[in-house]
Amino acid sequence: MLDEGDVALRPATFVIQAGQDRYEVPSLCPHREGWLEHGTVNHSRRTITCPLHFSVFSLETGEQLGGPACGGLVCRKLT
């Protein structure tokens, strides 16, 4: 809950088109805040790889699949 005068920022996101599906993805990797929109998308596997330290994330679940341990992403499939 916010008090009067407080500001809450929503982390920036971007959208990836993978085949017929679209996913909303956070802009920053949780490891070292690499810009994920500059990452590599594997459309067939539905993954994104951070360009900074090569952490790999599932677009469907947000689960971290490889790279330095940093936890998952909050990804959302758009309808």
PDB file of N, CA and C in Angstrom:
ATOM      1  N   MET A   1       0.838  -1.172   0.000  1.00  0.00           N
ATOM      2  CA  MET A   1       0.000   0.000   0.000  1.00  0.00           C
ATOM      3  C   MET A   1       0.886   1.240   0.000  1.00  0.00           C
ATOM      4  N   LEU A   2       0.492   2.228  -0.794  1.00  0.00           N
ATOM      5  CA  LEU A   2       1.270   3.456  -0.895  1.00  0.00           C
ATOM      6  C   LEU A   2       0.671   4.552  -0.029  1.00  0.00           C
ATOM      7  N   ASP A   3       1.552   5.346   0.547  1.00  0.00           N
ATOM      8  CA  ASP A   3       1.117   6.543   1.255  1.00  0.00           C
ATOM      9  C   ASP A   3       1.041   7.694   0.259  1.00  0.00           C
ATOM     10  N   GLU A   4       0.294   8.726   0.606  1.00  0.00           N
ATOM     11  CA  GLU A   4       0.183   9.882  -0.270  1.00  0.00           C
ATOM     12  C   GLU A   4       1.571  10.429  -0.588  1.00  0.00           C
ATOM     13  N   GLY A   5       1.826  10.678  -1.860  1.00  0.00           N
ATOM     14  CA  GLY A   5       3.120  11.192  -2.297  1.00  0.00           C
ATOM     15  C   GLY A   5       4.108  10.116  -2.700  1.00  0.00           C
ATOM     16  N   ASP A   6       3.845   8.838  -2.336  1.00  0.00           N
ATOM     17  CA  ASP A   6       4.720   7.747  -2.745  1.00  0.00           C
ATOM     18  C   ASP A   6       4.528   7.457  -4.230  1.00  0.00           C
ATOM     19  N   VAL A   7       5.555   6.918  -4.831  1.00  0.00           N
ATOM     20  CA  VAL A   7       5.504   6.555  -6.243  1.00  0.00           C
ATOM     21  C   VAL A   7       5.874   5.087  -6.370  1.00  0.00           C
ATOM     22  N   ALA A   8       5.115   4.351  -7.149  1.00  0.00           N
ATOM     23  CA  ALA A   8       5.440   2.947  -7.427  1.00  0.00           C
ATOM     24  C   ALA A   8       5.727   2.824  -8.916  1.00  0.00           C
ATOM     25  N   LEU A   9       6.837   2.224  -9.243  1.00  0.00           N
ATOM     26  CA  LEU A   9       7.204   2.032 -10.639  1.00  0.00           C
ATOM     27  C   LEU A   9       6.991   0.589 -11.040  1.00  0.00           C
ATOM     28  N   ARG A  10       6.390   0.384 -12.183  1.00  0.00           N
ATOM     29  CA  ARG A  10       6.237  -0.963 -12.724  1.00  0.00           C
ATOM     30  C   ARG A  10       7.435  -1.221 -13.625  1.00  0.00           C
ATOM     31  N   PRO A  11       8.127  -2.341 -13.423  1.00  0.00           N
ATOM     32  CA  PRO A  11       9.272  -2.632 -14.276  1.00  0.00           C
ATOM     33  C   PRO A  11       8.855  -2.631 -15.744  1.00  0.00           C
ATOM     34  N   ALA A  12       9.712  -2.082 -16.573  1.00  0.00           N
ATOM     35  CA  ALA A  12       9.436  -2.020 -18.008  1.00  0.00           C
ATOM     36  C   ALA A  12       9.438  -3.418 -18.612  1.00  0.00           C
ATOM     37  N   THR A  13       8.574  -3.598 -19.576  1.00  0.00           N
ATOM     38  CA  THR A  13       8.480  -4.871 -20.282  1.00  0.00           C
ATOM     39  C   THR A  13       8.491  -4.621 -21.783  1.00  0.00           C
ATOM     40  N   PHE A  14       8.629  -5.690 -22.544  1.00  0.00           N
ATOM     41  CA  PHE A  14       8.513  -5.623 -23.989  1.00  0.00           C
ATOM     42  C   PHE A  14       7.832  -6.893 -24.464  1.00  0.00           C
ATOM     43  N   VAL A  15       7.432  -6.919 -25.725  1.00  0.00           N
ATOM     44  CA  VAL A  15       6.673  -8.046 -26.267  1.00  0.00           C
ATOM     45  C   VAL A  15       7.493  -8.758 -27.331  1.00  0.00           C
ATOM     46  N   ILE A  16       7.497 -10.098 -27.247  1.00  0.00           N
ATOM     47  CA  ILE A  16       8.167 -10.951 -28.233  1.00  0.00           C
ATOM     48  C   ILE A  16       7.112 -11.751 -28.973  1.00  0.00           C
ATOM     49  N   GLN A  17       7.204 -11.748 -30.292  1.00  0.00           N
ATOM     50  CA  GLN A  17       6.342 -12.585 -31.135  1.00  0.00           C
ATOM     51  C   GLN A  17       7.128 -13.855 -31.444  1.00  0.00           C
ATOM     52  N   ALA A  18       6.588 -15.008 -31.065  1.00  0.00           N
ATOM     53  CA  ALA A  18       7.221 -16.306 -31.332  1.00  0.00           C
ATOM     54  C   ALA A  18       6.177 -17.188 -32.004  1.00  0.00           C
ATOM     55  N   GLY A  19       6.263 -17.316 -33.322  1.00  0.00           N
ATOM     56  CA  GLY A  19       5.233 -18.041 -34.060  1.00  0.00           C
ATOM     57  C   GLY A  19       3.928 -17.280 -33.968  1.00  0.00           C
ATOM     58  N   GLN A  20       2.868 -17.965 -33.566  1.00  0.00           N
ATOM     59  CA  GLN A  20       1.556 -17.335 -33.405  1.00  0.00           C
ATOM     60  C   GLN A  20       1.370 -16.722 -32.015  1.00  0.00           C
ATOM     61  N   ASP A  21       2.342 -16.918 -31.125  1.00  0.00           N
ATOM     62  CA  ASP A  21       2.208 -16.487 -29.736  1.00  0.00           C
ATOM     63  C   ASP A  21       3.006 -15.216 -29.465  1.00  0.00           C
ATOM     64  N   ARG A  22       2.474 -14.404 -28.543  1.00  0.00           N
ATOM     65  CA  ARG A  22       3.154 -13.193 -28.091  1.00  0.00           C
ATOM     66  C   ARG A  22       3.351 -13.289 -26.583  1.00  0.00           C
ATOM     67  N   TYR A  23       4.534 -12.864 -26.126  1.00  0.00           N
ATOM     68  CA  TYR A  23       4.873 -12.935 -24.708  1.00  0.00           C
ATOM     69  C   TYR A  23       5.343 -11.568 -24.225  1.00  0.00           C
ATOM     70  N   GLU A  24       4.839 -11.158 -23.053  1.00  0.00           N
ATOM     71  CA  GLU A  24       5.328  -9.959 -22.391  1.00  0.00           C
ATOM     72  C   GLU A  24       6.465 -10.389 -21.466  1.00  0.00           C
ATOM     73  N   VAL A  25       7.619  -9.735 -21.605  1.00  0.00           N
ATOM     74  CA  VAL A  25       8.840 -10.137 -20.914  1.00  0.00           C
ATOM     75  C   VAL A  25       9.443  -8.909 -20.223  1.00  0.00           C
ATOM     76  N   PRO A  26      10.000  -9.067 -19.016  1.00  0.00           N
ATOM     77  CA  PRO A  26      10.683  -7.941 -18.373  1.00  0.00           C
ATOM     78  C   PRO A  26      11.861  -7.461 -19.221  1.00  0.00           C
ATOM     79  N   SER A  27      12.134  -6.185 -19.187  1.00  0.00           N
ATOM     80  CA  SER A  27      13.235  -5.625 -19.974  1.00  0.00           C
ATOM     81  C   SER A  27      14.607  -6.014 -19.437  1.00  0.00           C
ATOM     82  N   LEU A  28      14.698  -6.253 -18.124  1.00  0.00           N
ATOM     83  CA  LEU A  28      16.002  -6.508 -17.516  1.00  0.00           C
ATOM     84  C   LEU A  28      16.123  -7.932 -16.991  1.00  0.00           C
ATOM     85  N   CYS A  29      17.291  -8.521 -17.209  1.00  0.00           N
ATOM     86  CA  CYS A  29      17.614  -9.840 -16.655  1.00  0.00           C
ATOM     87  C   CYS A  29      17.814  -9.693 -15.141  1.00  0.00           C
ATOM     88  N   PRO A  30      17.314 -10.636 -14.340  1.00  0.00           N
ATOM     89  CA  PRO A  30      17.476 -10.529 -12.886  1.00  0.00           C
ATOM     90  C   PRO A  30      18.913 -10.766 -12.409  1.00  0.00           C
ATOM     91  N   HIS A  31      19.794 -11.286 -13.267  1.00  0.00           N
ATOM     92  CA  HIS A  31      21.169 -11.567 -12.855  1.00  0.00           C
ATOM     93  C   HIS A  31      21.974 -10.280 -12.676  1.00  0.00           C
ATOM     94  N   ARG A  32      22.198  -9.554 -13.764  1.00  0.00           N
ATOM     95  CA  ARG A  32      22.976  -8.309 -13.700  1.00  0.00           C
ATOM     96  C   ARG A  32      22.325  -7.191 -14.524  1.00  0.00           C
ATOM     97  N   GLU A  33      21.013  -7.304 -14.679  1.00  0.00           N
ATOM     98  CA  GLU A  33      20.219  -6.294 -15.360  1.00  0.00           C
ATOM     99  C   GLU A  33      20.646  -6.045 -16.802  1.00  0.00           C
ATOM    100  N   GLY A  34      21.011  -7.143 -17.503  1.00  0.00           N
ATOM    101  CA  GLY A  34      21.245  -7.035 -18.943  1.00  0.00           C
ATOM    102  C   GLY A  34      19.932  -6.756 -19.655  1.00  0.00           C
ATOM    103  N   TRP A  35      19.981  -6.002 -20.738  1.00  0.00           N
ATOM    104  CA  TRP A  35      18.776  -5.649 -21.490  1.00  0.00           C
ATOM    105  C   TRP A  35      18.337  -6.833 -22.329  1.00  0.00           C
ATOM    106  N   LEU A  36      17.249  -7.476 -21.917  1.00  0.00           N
ATOM    107  CA  LEU A  36      16.781  -8.685 -22.596  1.00  0.00           C
ATOM    108  C   LEU A  36      16.293  -8.416 -24.012  1.00  0.00           C
ATOM    109  N   GLU A  37      15.826  -7.199 -24.308  1.00  0.00           N
ATOM    110  CA  GLU A  37      15.390  -6.947 -25.680  1.00  0.00           C
ATOM    111  C   GLU A  37      16.554  -6.995 -26.670  1.00  0.00           C
ATOM    112  N   HIS A  38      17.789  -6.976 -26.158  1.00  0.00           N
ATOM    113  CA  HIS A  38      18.969  -7.144 -27.005  1.00  0.00           C
ATOM    114  C   HIS A  38      19.447  -8.597 -26.999  1.00  0.00           C
ATOM    115  N   GLY A  39      18.699  -9.454 -26.325  1.00  0.00           N
ATOM    116  CA  GLY A  39      19.051 -10.869 -26.231  1.00  0.00           C
ATOM    117  C   GLY A  39      18.677 -11.639 -27.486  1.00  0.00           C
ATOM    118  N   THR A  40      18.987 -12.921 -27.453  1.00  0.00           N
ATOM    119  CA  THR A  40      18.700 -13.815 -28.576  1.00  0.00           C
ATOM    120  C   THR A  40      17.446 -14.613 -28.272  1.00  0.00           C
ATOM    121  N   VAL A  41      16.491 -14.574 -29.190  1.00  0.00           N
ATOM    122  CA  VAL A  41      15.254 -15.337 -29.039  1.00  0.00           C
ATOM    123  C   VAL A  41      15.345 -16.588 -29.900  1.00  0.00           C
ATOM    124  N   ASN A  42      15.084 -17.743 -29.286  1.00  0.00           N
ATOM    125  CA  ASN A  42      14.964 -18.997 -30.028  1.00  0.00           C
ATOM    126  C   ASN A  42      13.470 -19.250 -30.180  1.00  0.00           C
ATOM    127  N   HIS A  43      12.955 -18.977 -31.374  1.00  0.00           N
ATOM    128  CA  HIS A  43      11.510 -19.049 -31.602  1.00  0.00           C
ATOM    129  C   HIS A  43      10.970 -20.472 -31.480  1.00  0.00           C
ATOM    130  N   SER A  44      11.730 -21.463 -31.921  1.00  0.00           N
ATOM    131  CA  SER A  44      11.224 -22.843 -31.862  1.00  0.00           C
ATOM    132  C   SER A  44      11.222 -23.389 -30.437  1.00  0.00           C
ATOM    133  N   ARG A  45      12.210 -23.017 -29.630  1.00  0.00           N
ATOM    134  CA  ARG A  45      12.264 -23.489 -28.239  1.00  0.00           C
ATOM    135  C   ARG A  45      11.520 -22.565 -27.283  1.00  0.00           C
ATOM    136  N   ARG A  46      11.133 -21.389 -27.785  1.00  0.00           N
ATOM    137  CA  ARG A  46      10.432 -20.388 -26.968  1.00  0.00           C
ATOM    138  C   ARG A  46      11.295 -19.969 -25.768  1.00  0.00           C
ATOM    139  N   THR A  47      12.548 -19.549 -26.072  1.00  0.00           N
ATOM    140  CA  THR A  47      13.462 -19.085 -25.027  1.00  0.00           C
ATOM    141  C   THR A  47      14.060 -17.739 -25.422  1.00  0.00           C
ATOM    142  N   ILE A  48      14.568 -17.041 -24.417  1.00  0.00           N
ATOM    143  CA  ILE A  48      15.348 -15.830 -24.644  1.00  0.00           C
ATOM    144  C   ILE A  48      16.638 -15.960 -23.850  1.00  0.00           C
ATOM    145  N   THR A  49      17.758 -15.525 -24.456  1.00  0.00           N
ATOM    146  CA  THR A  49      19.069 -15.585 -23.821  1.00  0.00           C
ATOM    147  C   THR A  49      19.563 -14.168 -23.576  1.00  0.00           C
ATOM    148  N   CYS A  50      19.947 -13.892 -22.346  1.00  0.00           N
ATOM    149  CA  CYS A  50      20.468 -12.576 -21.989  1.00  0.00           C
ATOM    150  C   CYS A  50      21.803 -12.339 -22.707  1.00  0.00           C
ATOM    151  N   PRO A  51      21.993 -11.145 -23.292  1.00  0.00           N
ATOM    152  CA  PRO A  51      23.235 -10.875 -24.009  1.00  0.00           C
ATOM    153  C   PRO A  51      24.431 -10.625 -23.093  1.00  0.00           C
ATOM    154  N   LEU A  52      24.194 -10.388 -21.812  1.00  0.00           N
ATOM    155  CA  LEU A  52      25.280 -10.031 -20.905  1.00  0.00           C
ATOM    156  C   LEU A  52      26.051 -11.249 -20.399  1.00  0.00           C
ATOM    157  N   HIS A  53      25.368 -12.215 -19.791  1.00  0.00           N
ATOM    158  CA  HIS A  53      26.031 -13.403 -19.250  1.00  0.00           C
ATOM    159  C   HIS A  53      25.374 -14.696 -19.705  1.00  0.00           C
ATOM    160  N   PHE A  54      24.500 -14.613 -20.700  1.00  0.00           N
ATOM    161  CA  PHE A  54      23.914 -15.775 -21.385  1.00  0.00           C
ATOM    162  C   PHE A  54      22.994 -16.638 -20.523  1.00  0.00           C
ATOM    163  N   SER A  55      22.313 -16.026 -19.570  1.00  0.00           N
ATOM    164  CA  SER A  55      21.252 -16.751 -18.867  1.00  0.00           C
ATOM    165  C   SER A  55      20.118 -16.999 -19.857  1.00  0.00           C
ATOM    166  N   VAL A  56      19.536 -18.191 -19.796  1.00  0.00           N
ATOM    167  CA  VAL A  56      18.480 -18.590 -20.734  1.00  0.00           C
ATOM    168  C   VAL A  56      17.179 -18.765 -19.959  1.00  0.00           C
ATOM    169  N   PHE A  57      16.082 -18.217 -20.512  1.00  0.00           N
ATOM    170  CA  PHE A  57      14.784 -18.262 -19.853  1.00  0.00           C
ATOM    171  C   PHE A  57      13.713 -18.765 -20.810  1.00  0.00           C
ATOM    172  N   SER A  58      12.770 -19.524 -20.263  1.00  0.00           N
ATOM    173  CA  SER A  58      11.601 -19.959 -21.021  1.00  0.00           C
ATOM    174  C   SER A  58      10.632 -18.790 -21.149  1.00  0.00           C
ATOM    175  N   LEU A  59      10.168 -18.525 -22.380  1.00  0.00           N
ATOM    176  CA  LEU A  59       9.153 -17.488 -22.567  1.00  0.00           C
ATOM    177  C   LEU A  59       7.803 -17.953 -22.041  1.00  0.00           C
ATOM    178  N   GLU A  60       7.568 -19.257 -22.057  1.00  0.00           N
ATOM    179  CA  GLU A  60       6.271 -19.803 -21.647  1.00  0.00           C
ATOM    180  C   GLU A  60       6.088 -19.812 -20.135  1.00  0.00           C
ATOM    181  N   THR A  61       7.154 -20.122 -19.396  1.00  0.00           N
ATOM    182  CA  THR A  61       7.045 -20.249 -17.939  1.00  0.00           C
ATOM    183  C   THR A  61       7.872 -19.223 -17.162  1.00  0.00           C
ATOM    184  N   GLY A  62       8.854 -18.599 -17.806  1.00  0.00           N
ATOM    185  CA  GLY A  62       9.767 -17.691 -17.125  1.00  0.00           C
ATOM    186  C   GLY A  62      10.897 -18.401 -16.410  1.00  0.00           C
ATOM    187  N   GLU A  63      10.857 -19.730 -16.382  1.00  0.00           N
ATOM    188  CA  GLU A  63      11.872 -20.525 -15.685  1.00  0.00           C
ATOM    189  C   GLU A  63      13.252 -20.283 -16.285  1.00  0.00           C
ATOM    190  N   GLN A  64      14.262 -20.185 -15.406  1.00  0.00           N
ATOM    191  CA  GLN A  64      15.635 -20.086 -15.869  1.00  0.00           C
ATOM    192  C   GLN A  64      16.101 -21.480 -16.264  1.00  0.00           C
ATOM    193  N   LEU A  65      16.603 -21.610 -17.488  1.00  0.00           N
ATOM    194  CA  LEU A  65      17.010 -22.912 -18.016  1.00  0.00           C
ATOM    195  C   LEU A  65      18.517 -23.082 -18.074  1.00  0.00           C
ATOM    196  N   GLY A  66      19.268 -22.004 -17.945  1.00  0.00           N
ATOM    197  CA  GLY A  66      20.721 -22.097 -18.007  1.00  0.00           C
ATOM    198  C   GLY A  66      21.353 -20.766 -17.658  1.00  0.00           C
ATOM    199  N   GLY A  67      22.679 -20.789 -17.503  1.00  0.00           N
ATOM    200  CA  GLY A  67      23.421 -19.575 -17.197  1.00  0.00           C
ATOM    201  C   GLY A  67      23.586 -19.373 -15.706  1.00  0.00           C
ATOM    202  N   PRO A  68      24.185 -18.226 -15.320  1.00  0.00           N
ATOM    203  CA  PRO A  68      24.395 -17.939 -13.901  1.00  0.00           C
ATOM    204  C   PRO A  68      23.077 -17.947 -13.123  1.00  0.00           C
ATOM    205  N   ALA A  69      23.111 -18.524 -11.938  1.00  0.00           N
ATOM    206  CA  ALA A  69      21.893 -18.632 -11.119  1.00  0.00           C
ATOM    207  C   ALA A  69      21.369 -17.247 -10.765  1.00  0.00           C
ATOM    208  N   CYS A  70      20.098 -17.019 -11.092  1.00  0.00           N
ATOM    209  CA  CYS A  70      19.507 -15.711 -10.780  1.00  0.00           C
ATOM    210  C   CYS A  70      17.999 -15.789 -10.601  1.00  0.00           C
ATOM    211  N   GLY A  71      17.402 -16.956 -10.772  1.00  0.00           N
ATOM    212  CA  GLY A  71      15.953 -17.076 -10.650  1.00  0.00           C
ATOM    213  C   GLY A  71      15.272 -16.831 -11.978  1.00  0.00           C
ATOM    214  N   GLY A  72      13.971 -16.937 -11.966  1.00  0.00           N
ATOM    215  CA  GLY A  72      13.213 -16.832 -13.203  1.00  0.00           C
ATOM    216  C   GLY A  72      12.713 -15.429 -13.488  1.00  0.00           C
ATOM    217  N   LEU A  73      11.987 -15.344 -14.591  1.00  0.00           N
ATOM    218  CA  LEU A  73      11.338 -14.108 -15.020  1.00  0.00           C
ATOM    219  C   LEU A  73       9.836 -14.233 -14.819  1.00  0.00           C
ATOM    220  N   VAL A  74       9.158 -13.120 -14.778  1.00  0.00           N
ATOM    221  CA  VAL A  74       7.699 -13.124 -14.795  1.00  0.00           C
ATOM    222  C   VAL A  74       7.286 -12.811 -16.231  1.00  0.00           C
ATOM    223  N   CYS A  75       7.073 -13.873 -17.008  1.00  0.00           N
ATOM    224  CA  CYS A  75       6.644 -13.742 -18.401  1.00  0.00           C
ATOM    225  C   CYS A  75       5.147 -13.995 -18.466  1.00  0.00           C
ATOM    226  N   ARG A  76       4.503 -13.393 -19.462  1.00  0.00           N
ATOM    227  CA  ARG A  76       3.061 -13.549 -19.585  1.00  0.00           C
ATOM    228  C   ARG A  76       2.712 -13.726 -21.053  1.00  0.00           C
ATOM    229  N   LYS A  77       1.969 -14.786 -21.350  1.00  0.00           N
ATOM    230  CA  LYS A  77       1.485 -14.993 -22.711  1.00  0.00           C
ATOM    231  C   LYS A  77       0.303 -14.066 -22.935  1.00  0.00           C
ATOM    232  N   LEU A  78       0.352 -13.312 -24.019  1.00  0.00           N
ATOM    233  CA  LEU A  78      -0.713 -12.368 -24.338  1.00  0.00           C
ATOM    234  C   LEU A  78      -1.746 -13.039 -25.228  1.00  0.00           C
ATOM    235  N   THR A  79      -2.996 -12.645 -25.065  1.00  0.00           N
ATOM    236  CA  THR A  79      -4.056 -13.234 -25.889  1.00  0.00           C
ATOM    237  C   THR A  79      -4.478 -12.279 -26.974  1.00  0.00           C
TER     238      THR A  79
END
